[in-house]
Amino acid sequence: MEDYKRQGGIHQLLATEQEAGQIVNAARTTKSNRLKQAKDEAEDDVGKYRTHMEKDTKKQSRRVNVKRLDEETVKKIDHLKKQATKVSPEVVKLLMTQVTNV
């Protein structure tokens, strides 16, 4: 009878060990799946962040270019006004000469 109880205990122990192995395997699979999911989510977040930063950088670059072009335009206009102011008396004199010579 004791041999029967021992064999029953051994069978029960083996069954419990097998069940524990299945639980551990299921946990490993779940962990592996969760890690894959977390990696995919992280890659997606990185892609979104990269896209956002690229757009922001382009906007900032455009702002800098627009500001630079505005400054250059203002400088050119000022330069042209100064040149026009210098040449203006000569142009008036030339026009007056031409008008009076008719």
Protein backbone atom coordinates (compact mmCIF):
# COMPACT_ATOMS: atom_id res chain seq x y z
CA MET A 1 0.00 0.00 0.00
CA GLU A 2 2.83 2.33 0.81
CA ASP A 3 4.38 1.60 -2.59
CA TYR A 4 1.09 2.58 -4.19
CA LYS A 5 0.99 5.82 -2.19
CA ARG A 6 4.59 6.55 -3.13
CA GLN A 7 3.88 5.95 -6.81
CA GLY A 8 0.77 8.10 -6.57
CA GLY A 9 2.81 10.83 -4.91
CA ILE A 10 5.49 10.54 -7.58
CA HIS A 11 2.86 10.76 -10.33
CA GLN A 12 1.29 13.72 -8.63
CA LEU A 13 4.71 15.37 -8.25
CA LEU A 14 5.50 14.76 -11.94
CA ALA A 15 2.12 16.14 -12.97
CA THR A 16 2.63 19.21 -10.81
CA GLU A 17 6.13 19.68 -12.25
CA GLN A 18 4.76 19.41 -15.78
CA GLU A 19 2.02 21.92 -14.96
CA ALA A 20 4.60 24.29 -13.48
CA GLY A 21 6.68 23.94 -16.66
CA GLN A 22 3.65 24.85 -18.76
CA ILE A 23 2.98 27.89 -16.57
CA VAL A 24 6.62 29.00 -16.89
CA ASN A 25 6.52 28.52 -20.67
CA ALA A 26 3.28 30.49 -20.89
CA ALA A 27 4.86 33.27 -18.81
CA ARG A 28 7.94 33.31 -21.05
CA THR A 29 5.77 33.51 -24.15
CA THR A 30 3.72 36.32 -22.65
CA LYS A 31 6.89 38.17 -21.63
CA SER A 32 8.39 37.71 -25.10
CA ASN A 33 5.20 38.97 -26.76
CA ARG A 34 5.06 41.97 -24.44
CA LEU A 35 8.71 42.81 -25.14
CA LYS A 36 8.05 42.67 -28.89
CA GLN A 37 5.01 44.89 -28.45
CA ALA A 38 6.97 47.37 -26.32
CA LYS A 39 9.77 47.43 -28.92
CA ASP A 40 7.28 48.08 -31.73
CA GLU A 41 5.63 50.86 -29.72
CA ALA A 42 9.01 52.40 -28.94
CA GLU A 43 10.03 52.28 -32.62
CA ASP A 44 6.73 53.92 -33.55
CA ASP A 45 7.25 56.65 -30.94
CA VAL A 46 10.80 57.24 -32.16
CA GLY A 47 9.56 57.51 -35.75
CA LYS A 48 6.90 60.01 -34.76
CA TYR A 49 9.38 62.04 -32.72
CA ARG A 50 11.90 62.02 -35.58
CA THR A 51 9.24 63.21 -38.03
CA HIS A 52 8.16 65.95 -35.61
CA MET A 53 11.74 67.11 -35.09
CA GLU A 54 12.44 67.11 -38.84
CA LYS A 55 9.36 69.25 -39.47
CA ASP A 56 10.31 71.59 -36.63
CA THR A 57 13.85 71.89 -37.96
CA LYS A 58 12.56 72.67 -41.46
CA LYS A 59 10.22 75.34 -40.07
CA GLN A 60 13.02 76.88 -38.08
CA SER A 61 15.32 76.78 -41.09
CA ARG A 62 12.65 78.49 -43.20
CA ARG A 63 12.21 81.17 -40.55
CA VAL A 64 15.95 81.79 -40.51
CA ASN A 65 16.05 81.96 -44.32
CA VAL A 66 13.06 84.31 -44.46
CA LYS A 67 14.61 86.54 -41.81
CA ARG A 68 17.94 86.56 -43.64
CA LEU A 69 16.23 87.38 -46.95
CA ASP A 70 14.23 90.16 -45.30
CA GLU A 71 17.41 91.67 -43.87
CA GLU A 72 19.17 91.44 -47.24
CA THR A 73 16.19 93.04 -48.98
CA VAL A 74 16.12 95.91 -46.51
CA LYS A 75 19.87 96.45 -47.00
CA LYS A 76 19.49 96.44 -50.79
CA ILE A 77 16.58 98.88 -50.64
CA ASP A 78 18.56 101.19 -48.36
CA HIS A 79 21.54 100.95 -50.71
CA LEU A 80 19.36 101.78 -53.73
CA LYS A 81 17.80 104.73 -51.88
CA LYS A 82 21.25 106.09 -51.03
CA GLN A 83 22.35 105.70 -54.64
CA ALA A 84 19.17 107.38 -55.86
CA THR A 85 19.73 110.26 -53.43
CA LYS A 86 23.30 110.70 -54.74
CA VAL A 87 22.29 110.57 -58.39
CA SER A 88 19.06 112.55 -58.05
CA PRO A 89 20.60 116.04 -58.43
CA GLU A 90 22.47 114.94 -61.56
CA VAL A 91 19.30 113.42 -63.05
CA VAL A 92 17.32 116.59 -62.35
CA LYS A 93 20.09 118.70 -63.90
CA LEU A 94 20.18 116.44 -66.98
CA LEU A 95 16.39 116.57 -67.34
CA MET A 96 16.38 120.33 -66.98
CA THR A 97 19.07 120.63 -69.62
CA GLN A 98 17.17 118.41 -72.01
CA VAL A 99 13.88 120.21 -71.42
CA THR A 100 15.39 123.65 -71.92
CA ASN A 101 17.27 122.63 -75.06
CA VAL A 102 14.15 121.72 -76.97
